[in-house]
Protein backbone atom coordinates (compact mmCIF):
# COMPACT_ATOMS: atom_id res chain seq x y z
CA UNK A 1 47.20 -19.68 -45.40
CA UNK A 2 45.17 -22.02 -47.55
CA UNK A 3 42.22 -23.96 -46.14
CA UNK A 4 39.05 -25.65 -47.29
CA UNK A 5 35.61 -24.68 -46.02
CA UNK A 6 32.15 -25.93 -46.92
CA UNK A 7 29.52 -23.28 -47.62
CA UNK A 8 25.84 -23.48 -48.39
CA UNK A 9 25.38 -23.07 -52.17
CA UNK A 10 23.07 -20.06 -51.79
CA UNK A 11 25.46 -18.37 -49.36
CA UNK A 12 28.39 -18.93 -51.70
CA UNK A 13 26.44 -17.53 -54.66
CA UNK A 14 25.49 -14.43 -52.67
CA UNK A 15 29.07 -13.95 -51.46
CA UNK A 16 30.34 -14.18 -55.05
CA UNK A 17 27.82 -11.52 -56.12
CA UNK A 18 28.94 -9.24 -53.31
CA UNK A 19 32.57 -9.76 -54.26
CA UNK A 20 31.92 -9.04 -57.94
CA UNK A 21 29.86 -5.96 -57.12
CA UNK A 22 32.55 -4.58 -54.82
CA UNK A 23 35.44 -5.47 -57.11
CA UNK A 24 36.90 -7.77 -54.47
CA UNK A 25 37.93 -11.39 -54.40
CA UNK A 26 35.73 -13.98 -52.75
CA UNK A 27 38.54 -14.49 -50.21
CA UNK A 28 38.49 -10.79 -49.30
CA UNK A 29 34.71 -10.84 -48.76
CA UNK A 30 34.94 -13.91 -46.54
CA UNK A 31 37.85 -12.41 -44.57
CA UNK A 32 35.97 -9.12 -44.10
CA UNK A 33 32.89 -10.99 -42.90
CA UNK A 34 34.90 -13.04 -40.42
CA UNK A 35 36.69 -9.94 -39.10
CA UNK A 36 33.37 -8.17 -38.58
CA UNK A 37 31.82 -11.13 -36.79
CA UNK A 38 34.86 -11.77 -34.61
CA UNK A 39 35.21 -8.05 -33.88
CA UNK A 40 31.68 -7.94 -32.48
CA UNK A 41 32.61 -10.69 -30.03
CA UNK A 42 35.64 -8.74 -28.76
CA UNK A 43 33.72 -5.61 -27.80
CA UNK A 44 33.84 -4.81 -24.10
CA UNK A 45 31.03 -6.43 -22.17
CA UNK A 46 30.91 -3.50 -19.73
CA UNK A 47 28.83 -1.43 -22.12
CA UNK A 48 25.43 -0.54 -20.81
CA UNK A 49 22.39 1.17 -22.20
CA UNK A 50 22.40 4.94 -21.76
CA UNK A 51 19.20 6.65 -20.69
CA UNK A 52 18.78 10.14 -22.08
CA UNK A 53 16.82 12.63 -20.01
CA UNK A 54 13.33 13.45 -21.22
CA UNK A 55 11.79 16.86 -20.80
CA UNK A 56 8.17 17.88 -20.58
CA UNK A 57 6.37 18.25 -23.83
CA UNK A 58 4.44 16.30 -26.39
CA UNK A 59 7.15 15.57 -28.93
CA UNK A 60 8.31 17.49 -31.96
CA UNK A 61 6.96 20.90 -32.78
CA UNK A 62 4.74 21.07 -35.86
CA UNK A 63 6.74 21.36 -39.06
CA UNK A 64 9.94 19.84 -37.61
CA UNK A 65 11.53 17.19 -39.83
CA UNK A 66 14.49 15.42 -38.21
CA UNK A 67 15.65 14.25 -41.64
CA UNK A 68 16.07 17.84 -42.90
CA UNK A 69 19.25 19.09 -41.21
CA UNK A 70 19.24 22.46 -43.02
CA UNK A 71 15.71 23.20 -41.79
CA UNK A 72 16.65 22.13 -38.26
CA UNK A 73 19.66 24.45 -38.30
CA UNK A 74 17.47 27.33 -39.47
CA UNK A 75 14.96 26.66 -36.67
CA UNK A 76 17.73 26.47 -34.05
CA UNK A 77 19.24 29.75 -35.25
CA UNK A 78 15.80 31.40 -35.17
CA UNK A 79 15.21 30.13 -31.63
CA UNK A 80 18.68 31.27 -30.52
CA UNK A 81 18.18 34.76 -31.97
CA UNK A 82 14.75 35.08 -30.33
CA UNK A 83 16.02 33.99 -26.90
CA UNK A 84 19.33 35.86 -26.86
CA UNK A 85 19.15 38.94 -24.67
């Protein structure tokens, strides 16, 4: 379907840059943006915040880096081996 919309000049320029960078048409970028925005509105309203249980302690152990998954796996395997009996 063909339609006419009015966009802020800066917004249009940015959308064109996004389209060119992604190898898409301006229409595709606008459609994707609309789908994303409308999709957020359709999400179930029954969602609620989940509270995770907290355990005693003072936080992460020294030397633990949550961004280093290989190191975390090593530490978990070491802990598992030490506590397996």
